[in-house]
């Protein structure tokens, strides 16, 4: 796998729990692949079915960075803007292999 990959899990997912799905999927990605894992705090399997600011924010930033190649969005994934936003209120955990 060489394609930059972001995985989003939900701490309250009882359908596809993070310990058997999202976390192992992230861990299986090669370290040479640009990757990120965000585990949403207070979220469920169905959280993406309605507006969710963190999913939108990180989804757009990831696509702009890796599909459009716009490096200005790196700060939202692992730089200053990410650090300001990615608090324990948003994510239970967030891992990445920055810089990218």
N, C-alpha and C. Protein backbone atom coordinates (compact mmCIF):
# COMPACT_ATOMS: atom_id res chain seq x y z
N UNK A 1 0.85 -1.18 0.00
CA UNK A 1 0.00 0.00 0.00
C UNK A 1 0.89 1.23 0.00
N UNK A 2 0.73 2.04 -1.04
CA UNK A 2 1.53 3.26 -1.15
C UNK A 2 0.67 4.51 -1.18
N UNK A 3 -0.63 4.35 -1.21
CA UNK A 3 -1.55 5.49 -1.32
C UNK A 3 -1.73 6.12 0.07
N UNK A 4 -1.56 7.44 0.19
CA UNK A 4 -1.81 8.09 1.48
C UNK A 4 -3.21 7.73 2.00
N UNK A 5 -3.27 7.33 3.26
CA UNK A 5 -4.51 6.80 3.82
C UNK A 5 -4.83 7.42 5.17
N UNK A 6 -6.06 7.88 5.31
CA UNK A 6 -6.55 8.35 6.60
C UNK A 6 -7.69 7.42 7.03
N UNK A 7 -7.62 6.96 8.26
CA UNK A 7 -8.65 6.10 8.82
C UNK A 7 -9.29 6.83 9.98
N UNK A 8 -10.62 6.84 10.00
CA UNK A 8 -11.36 7.47 11.09
C UNK A 8 -12.16 6.39 11.80
N UNK A 9 -11.98 6.31 13.11
CA UNK A 9 -12.73 5.38 13.94
C UNK A 9 -13.57 6.15 14.93
N UNK A 10 -14.47 5.45 15.59
CA UNK A 10 -15.35 6.07 16.59
C UNK A 10 -15.24 5.30 17.90
N UNK A 11 -14.98 6.02 18.98
CA UNK A 11 -14.77 5.35 20.27
C UNK A 11 -15.99 4.58 20.75
N UNK A 12 -17.17 4.94 20.29
CA UNK A 12 -18.39 4.26 20.72
C UNK A 12 -19.00 3.36 19.66
N UNK A 13 -18.20 2.92 18.70
CA UNK A 13 -18.69 2.07 17.62
C UNK A 13 -18.88 0.65 18.12
N UNK A 14 -20.14 0.21 18.18
CA UNK A 14 -20.43 -1.16 18.62
C UNK A 14 -20.68 -2.09 17.43
N UNK A 15 -20.69 -1.55 16.22
CA UNK A 15 -20.87 -2.35 15.01
C UNK A 15 -19.51 -2.83 14.49
N UNK A 16 -18.58 -1.91 14.36
CA UNK A 16 -17.22 -2.21 13.89
C UNK A 16 -16.25 -1.55 14.85
N UNK A 17 -16.10 -2.15 16.01
CA UNK A 17 -15.27 -1.56 17.07
C UNK A 17 -13.85 -1.27 16.63
N UNK A 18 -13.29 -0.20 17.17
CA UNK A 18 -11.96 0.25 16.75
C UNK A 18 -10.87 -0.77 17.06
N UNK A 19 -11.03 -1.55 18.12
CA UNK A 19 -9.97 -2.50 18.48
C UNK A 19 -9.86 -3.65 17.48
N UNK A 20 -10.93 -3.95 16.77
CA UNK A 20 -10.86 -5.04 15.79
C UNK A 20 -10.93 -4.55 14.34
N UNK A 21 -11.12 -3.25 14.15
CA UNK A 21 -11.21 -2.74 12.78
C UNK A 21 -10.23 -1.58 12.55
N UNK A 22 -10.60 -0.38 12.94
CA UNK A 22 -9.84 0.83 12.58
C UNK A 22 -8.38 0.78 13.05
N UNK A 23 -8.15 0.43 14.30
CA UNK A 23 -6.77 0.42 14.81
C UNK A 23 -5.89 -0.60 14.08
N UNK A 24 -6.33 -1.85 13.93
CA UNK A 24 -5.49 -2.80 13.19
C UNK A 24 -5.29 -2.41 11.72
N UNK A 25 -6.30 -1.80 11.10
CA UNK A 25 -6.15 -1.36 9.71
C UNK A 25 -5.04 -0.31 9.62
N UNK A 26 -5.05 0.64 10.55
CA UNK A 26 -4.01 1.67 10.56
C UNK A 26 -2.64 1.04 10.81
N UNK A 27 -2.57 0.16 11.79
CA UNK A 27 -1.29 -0.46 12.14
C UNK A 27 -0.71 -1.28 10.98
N UNK A 28 -1.57 -1.81 10.12
CA UNK A 28 -1.12 -2.63 9.00
C UNK A 28 -0.56 -1.81 7.84
N UNK A 29 -0.81 -0.52 7.84
CA UNK A 29 -0.28 0.33 6.77
C UNK A 29 1.24 0.47 6.93
N UNK A 30 1.98 0.39 5.83
CA UNK A 30 3.44 0.52 5.92
C UNK A 30 3.85 1.89 6.47
N UNK A 31 4.95 1.91 7.19
CA UNK A 31 5.42 3.18 7.76
C UNK A 31 5.85 4.16 6.68
N UNK A 32 6.19 3.67 5.49
CA UNK A 32 6.59 4.55 4.40
C UNK A 32 5.40 5.23 3.72
N UNK A 33 4.20 4.78 4.01
CA UNK A 33 2.98 5.37 3.46
C UNK A 33 2.53 6.51 4.35
N UNK A 34 2.21 7.66 3.76
CA UNK A 34 1.65 8.75 4.56
C UNK A 34 0.32 8.27 5.11
N UNK A 35 0.17 8.38 6.43
CA UNK A 35 -1.04 7.84 7.05
C UNK A 35 -1.43 8.63 8.28
N UNK A 36 -2.71 8.55 8.61
CA UNK A 36 -3.23 9.19 9.82
C UNK A 36 -4.39 8.36 10.35
N UNK A 37 -4.57 8.40 11.65
CA UNK A 37 -5.68 7.70 12.30
C UNK A 37 -6.30 8.63 13.34
N UNK A 38 -7.56 8.91 13.19
CA UNK A 38 -8.28 9.72 14.17
C UNK A 38 -9.41 8.90 14.77
N UNK A 39 -9.42 8.79 16.08
CA UNK A 39 -10.49 8.08 16.78
C UNK A 39 -11.37 9.13 17.46
N UNK A 40 -12.54 9.32 16.89
CA UNK A 40 -13.44 10.37 17.36
C UNK A 40 -13.96 10.10 18.77
N UNK A 41 -13.94 11.10 19.59
CA UNK A 41 -14.45 11.02 20.95
C UNK A 41 -15.96 11.23 20.95
N UNK A 42 -16.69 10.37 21.62
CA UNK A 42 -18.14 10.51 21.73
C UNK A 42 -18.87 10.21 20.43
N UNK A 43 -18.30 9.37 19.60
CA UNK A 43 -18.90 9.06 18.30
C UNK A 43 -19.33 7.60 18.23
N UNK A 44 -20.19 7.30 17.27
CA UNK A 44 -20.66 5.94 17.04
C UNK A 44 -20.44 5.55 15.59
N UNK A 45 -20.82 4.35 15.25
CA UNK A 45 -20.73 3.85 13.88
C UNK A 45 -21.51 4.74 12.92
N UNK A 46 -22.56 5.37 13.41
CA UNK A 46 -23.44 6.15 12.55
C UNK A 46 -23.13 7.65 12.55
N UNK A 47 -22.09 8.07 13.22
CA UNK A 47 -21.72 9.48 13.26
C UNK A 47 -21.56 10.09 11.87
N UNK A 48 -20.95 9.40 10.91
CA UNK A 48 -20.79 10.00 9.57
C UNK A 48 -22.11 10.21 8.82
N UNK A 49 -23.22 9.68 9.33
CA UNK A 49 -24.51 9.86 8.65
C UNK A 49 -25.09 11.25 8.83
N UNK A 50 -24.49 12.05 9.69
CA UNK A 50 -24.94 13.43 9.87
C UNK A 50 -23.72 14.34 9.88
N UNK A 51 -23.94 15.62 9.82
CA UNK A 51 -22.83 16.57 9.78
C UNK A 51 -21.93 16.37 10.99
N UNK A 52 -20.64 16.26 10.73
CA UNK A 52 -19.66 16.10 11.79
C UNK A 52 -18.44 16.95 11.43
N UNK A 53 -18.18 17.96 12.20
CA UNK A 53 -17.11 18.90 11.89
C UNK A 53 -15.74 18.25 11.78
N UNK A 54 -15.32 17.40 12.74
CA UNK A 54 -13.99 16.80 12.59
C UNK A 54 -13.85 15.95 11.32
N UNK A 55 -14.86 15.16 10.99
CA UNK A 55 -14.78 14.34 9.77
C UNK A 55 -14.66 15.25 8.55
N UNK A 56 -15.46 16.28 8.48
CA UNK A 56 -15.39 17.21 7.36
C UNK A 56 -14.06 17.94 7.31
N UNK A 57 -13.62 18.43 8.43
CA UNK A 57 -12.37 19.20 8.50
C UNK A 57 -11.18 18.35 8.05
N UNK A 58 -11.05 17.16 8.63
CA UNK A 58 -9.91 16.31 8.30
C UNK A 58 -10.06 15.66 6.93
N UNK A 59 -11.27 15.32 6.54
CA UNK A 59 -11.48 14.75 5.21
C UNK A 59 -11.10 15.71 4.10
N UNK A 60 -11.54 16.95 4.21
CA UNK A 60 -11.21 17.96 3.21
C UNK A 60 -9.71 18.25 3.22
N UNK A 61 -9.13 18.43 4.40
CA UNK A 61 -7.70 18.71 4.48
C UNK A 61 -6.88 17.57 3.88
N UNK A 62 -7.26 16.33 4.17
CA UNK A 62 -6.54 15.17 3.64
C UNK A 62 -6.63 15.13 2.11
N UNK A 63 -7.81 15.33 1.58
CA UNK A 63 -8.00 15.30 0.13
C UNK A 63 -7.26 16.46 -0.55
N UNK A 64 -7.34 17.64 0.02
CA UNK A 64 -6.64 18.79 -0.56
C UNK A 64 -5.13 18.52 -0.56
N UNK A 65 -4.63 17.97 0.53
CA UNK A 65 -3.18 17.71 0.64
C UNK A 65 -2.72 16.64 -0.33
N UNK A 66 -3.43 15.50 -0.38
CA UNK A 66 -2.93 14.35 -1.13
C UNK A 66 -3.55 14.16 -2.51
N UNK A 67 -4.73 14.66 -2.76
CA UNK A 67 -5.31 14.56 -4.10
C UNK A 67 -4.90 15.78 -4.92
N UNK A 68 -5.04 16.96 -4.33
CA UNK A 68 -4.68 18.19 -5.03
C UNK A 68 -3.19 18.51 -4.91
N UNK A 69 -2.50 17.89 -3.94
CA UNK A 69 -1.08 18.18 -3.74
C UNK A 69 -0.81 19.54 -3.13
N UNK A 70 -1.79 20.10 -2.43
CA UNK A 70 -1.67 21.43 -1.84
C UNK A 70 -1.07 21.32 -0.43
N UNK A 71 0.20 21.58 -0.32
CA UNK A 71 0.90 21.41 0.95
C UNK A 71 0.48 22.41 2.02
N UNK A 72 -0.27 23.44 1.65
CA UNK A 72 -0.78 24.38 2.66
C UNK A 72 -1.68 23.67 3.67
N UNK A 73 -2.26 22.52 3.29
CA UNK A 73 -3.18 21.80 4.17
C UNK A 73 -2.47 20.88 5.15
N UNK A 74 -1.16 20.73 5.02
CA UNK A 74 -0.41 19.90 5.96
C UNK A 74 -0.57 20.39 7.40
N UNK A 75 -0.62 21.70 7.59
CA UNK A 75 -0.75 22.27 8.94
C UNK A 75 -2.04 21.83 9.63
N UNK A 76 -3.07 21.51 8.85
CA UNK A 76 -4.34 21.08 9.43
C UNK A 76 -4.32 19.59 9.79
N UNK A 77 -3.33 18.87 9.30
CA UNK A 77 -3.23 17.43 9.56
C UNK A 77 -2.19 17.09 10.61
N UNK A 78 -1.13 17.86 10.67
CA UNK A 78 -0.09 17.53 11.65
C UNK A 78 0.75 18.73 12.06
N UNK A 79 0.28 19.91 11.76
CA UNK A 79 1.02 21.12 12.12
C UNK A 79 0.30 21.91 13.19
N UNK A 80 0.53 23.19 13.16
CA UNK A 80 0.01 24.11 14.17
C UNK A 80 -1.51 24.06 14.27
N UNK A 81 -2.19 24.13 13.14
CA UNK A 81 -3.66 24.12 13.16
C UNK A 81 -4.20 22.80 13.71
N UNK A 82 -3.55 21.70 13.37
CA UNK A 82 -3.96 20.39 13.91
C UNK A 82 -3.80 20.37 15.43
N UNK A 83 -2.66 20.81 15.91
CA UNK A 83 -2.38 20.79 17.35
C UNK A 83 -3.40 21.61 18.13
N UNK A 84 -3.80 22.75 17.58
CA UNK A 84 -4.80 23.60 18.24
C UNK A 84 -6.17 22.95 18.29
N UNK A 85 -6.51 22.20 17.24
CA UNK A 85 -7.87 21.66 17.11
C UNK A 85 -8.03 20.26 17.72
N UNK A 86 -7.03 19.42 17.58
CA UNK A 86 -7.14 17.99 17.94
C UNK A 86 -6.98 17.76 19.43
N UNK A 87 -7.90 18.27 20.21
CA UNK A 87 -7.86 18.10 21.67
C UNK A 87 -8.59 16.81 22.05
N UNK A 88 -8.57 16.50 23.34
CA UNK A 88 -9.27 15.32 23.84
C UNK A 88 -10.78 15.44 23.67
N UNK A 89 -11.28 16.65 23.47
CA UNK A 89 -12.72 16.81 23.22
C UNK A 89 -13.09 16.30 21.83
N UNK A 90 -12.13 16.29 20.92
CA UNK A 90 -12.38 15.87 19.53
C UNK A 90 -11.97 14.42 19.31
N UNK A 91 -10.75 14.07 19.71
CA UNK A 91 -10.21 12.73 19.46
C UNK A 91 -9.83 12.03 20.76
N UNK A 92 -10.15 10.75 20.83
CA UNK A 92 -9.60 9.91 21.91
C UNK A 92 -8.13 9.65 21.63
N UNK A 93 -7.83 9.49 20.35
CA UNK A 93 -6.44 9.34 19.93
C UNK A 93 -6.30 9.79 18.49
N UNK A 94 -5.12 10.28 18.18
CA UNK A 94 -4.81 10.69 16.81
C UNK A 94 -3.35 10.33 16.57
N UNK A 95 -3.11 9.54 15.56
CA UNK A 95 -1.76 9.12 15.21
C UNK A 95 -1.49 9.48 13.76
N UNK A 96 -0.26 9.77 13.45
CA UNK A 96 0.13 10.05 12.07
C UNK A 96 1.63 9.85 11.95
N UNK A 97 2.09 9.77 10.74
CA UNK A 97 3.53 9.67 10.53
C UNK A 97 4.04 10.90 9.80
N UNK A 98 3.72 12.06 10.32
CA UNK A 98 4.19 13.33 9.76
C UNK A 98 5.71 13.37 9.82
N UNK A 99 6.33 14.25 9.08
CA UNK A 99 5.72 15.33 8.30
C UNK A 99 5.33 14.87 6.90
N UNK A 100 4.28 15.54 6.41
CA UNK A 100 3.93 15.40 5.01
C UNK A 100 3.45 16.73 4.48
